[in-house]
Amino acid sequence: MTVRTIRSTVSFGSPFTLDDPSEILPAGNYDVEIDEELLEGLSFLAYRKIMAVIHLPMRPGQAGIMQTLSINPQVLDAALKRDKAAITTSSKRLALQQP
C-alpha cells in the first residue's frame, strides 16, 4: 500500500464543528494533513483520502499544549462545505440589504 501525505492550510470564516457537535471551534486558519492511499490496478494514478489530521490552536491558559485531531476526511470536507455555504448565504443577504 502506497500512502502519501498532503499538507495544507484550510480557512474557516465562521465557528465550526467536526465530529463532536458540542465542541465549537473558532473561525480561522488550520494546518491539516491528509493521508491518501494509491488505488492500485488502474491504468491511471488515483488516490483515496483515508485520514485527516487537523492541528488546533492552543487554548488560552494551556500555553505550550498543541492539540491535533485525527478525523475522517469526509468530516473535514463536510465542515468546509458548510462554512462555504454559510459565507455564500451571508454574502447574498448583505447584497439584498444594500440599496
Protein backbone atom coordinates (compact mmCIF):
# COMPACT_ATOMS: atom_id res chain seq x y z
CA MET A 1 0.00 0.00 0.00
CA THR A 2 1.43 3.36 -1.06
CA VAL A 3 0.37 6.34 1.06
CA ARG A 4 1.18 9.99 0.55
CA THR A 5 0.59 12.91 2.90
CA ILE A 6 -0.65 16.27 1.64
CA ARG A 7 -0.13 19.24 3.97
CA SER A 8 -2.18 22.40 3.55
CA THR A 9 -3.93 25.20 5.39
CA VAL A 10 -7.71 25.46 5.40
CA SER A 11 -9.70 28.54 6.39
CA PHE A 12 -12.99 28.71 8.22
CA GLY A 13 -14.84 32.03 8.07
CA SER A 14 -17.22 31.06 10.88
CA PRO A 15 -17.04 28.93 14.01
CA PHE A 16 -17.49 25.26 13.08
CA THR A 17 -17.82 21.71 14.38
CA LEU A 18 -16.27 18.42 13.32
CA ASP A 19 -17.09 15.03 14.87
CA ASP A 20 -18.39 16.40 18.17
CA PRO A 21 -21.21 18.90 17.59
CA SER A 22 -20.88 20.14 21.17
CA GLU A 23 -17.28 21.29 20.56
CA ILE A 24 -17.40 24.51 18.56
CA LEU A 25 -14.04 25.50 17.10
CA PRO A 26 -13.22 29.14 16.33
CA ALA A 27 -13.04 30.55 12.82
CA GLY A 28 -9.54 30.86 11.45
CA ASN A 29 -6.77 29.10 9.58
CA TYR A 30 -5.90 25.50 10.43
CA ASP A 31 -3.00 23.34 9.29
CA VAL A 32 -4.18 19.95 8.07
CA GLU A 33 -2.54 16.77 6.85
CA ILE A 34 -4.44 14.41 4.56
CA ASP A 35 -3.22 10.85 4.03
CA GLU A 36 -4.13 9.39 0.65
CA GLU A 37 -3.81 5.78 -0.45
CA LEU A 38 -2.85 4.88 -4.03
CA LEU A 39 -5.60 2.92 -5.76
CA GLU A 40 -3.74 0.10 -7.44
CA GLY A 41 -4.70 -1.80 -10.57
CA LEU A 42 -5.91 1.23 -12.52
CA SER A 43 -4.47 2.46 -15.83
CA PHE A 44 -4.01 5.92 -14.26
CA LEU A 45 -2.90 7.30 -10.90
CA ALA A 46 -5.73 7.79 -8.44
CA TYR A 47 -5.73 8.30 -4.68
CA ARG A 48 -8.37 7.90 -2.00
CA LYS A 49 -8.37 10.00 1.17
CA ILE A 50 -8.01 7.72 4.19
CA MET A 51 -7.26 10.02 7.14
CA ALA A 52 -7.11 13.68 8.07
CA VAL A 53 -5.30 15.38 10.93
CA ILE A 54 -6.20 18.93 11.90
CA HIS A 55 -3.94 20.97 14.17
CA LEU A 56 -5.97 23.03 16.63
CA PRO A 57 -4.77 26.34 18.06
CA MET A 58 -3.60 26.49 21.64
CA ARG A 59 -6.35 27.36 24.06
CA PRO A 60 -5.94 30.24 26.50
CA GLY A 61 -4.42 29.04 29.74
CA GLN A 62 -2.82 25.98 28.13
CA ALA A 63 0.42 27.53 26.91
CA GLY A 64 2.63 25.14 25.00
CA ILE A 65 -0.03 22.47 24.55
CA MET A 66 -0.94 21.86 20.93
CA GLN A 67 -3.85 19.58 20.13
CA THR A 68 -4.35 17.55 16.99
CA LEU A 69 -7.44 15.65 15.95
CA SER A 70 -7.48 12.63 13.65
CA ILE A 71 -10.74 12.69 11.74
CA ASN A 72 -12.40 11.13 8.75
CA PRO A 73 -11.53 13.24 5.66
CA GLN A 74 -15.23 13.38 4.72
CA VAL A 75 -15.97 15.07 8.06
CA LEU A 76 -13.44 17.80 7.24
CA ASP A 77 -14.83 18.18 3.71
CA ALA A 78 -18.37 18.48 5.08
CA ALA A 79 -17.32 21.15 7.61
CA LEU A 80 -15.62 23.16 4.84
CA LYS A 81 -18.74 22.88 2.64
CA ARG A 82 -20.98 24.08 5.48
CA ASP A 83 -18.65 27.02 6.09
CA LYS A 84 -18.61 27.96 2.42
CA ALA A 85 -22.41 27.74 2.25
CA ALA A 86 -22.75 29.95 5.34
CA ILE A 87 -20.44 32.57 3.85
CA THR A 88 -22.29 32.48 0.50
CA THR A 89 -25.65 32.85 2.25
CA SER A 90 -24.36 35.78 4.34
CA SER A 91 -22.96 37.49 1.25
CA LYS A 92 -26.30 37.12 -0.57
CA ARG A 93 -28.18 38.56 2.42
CA LEU A 94 -25.84 41.56 2.54
CA ALA A 95 -26.25 42.15 -1.18
CA LEU A 96 -30.06 42.11 -0.83
CA GLN A 97 -29.97 44.60 2.06
CA GLN A 98 -27.93 47.18 0.18
CA PRO A 99 -29.89 49.79 -1.81
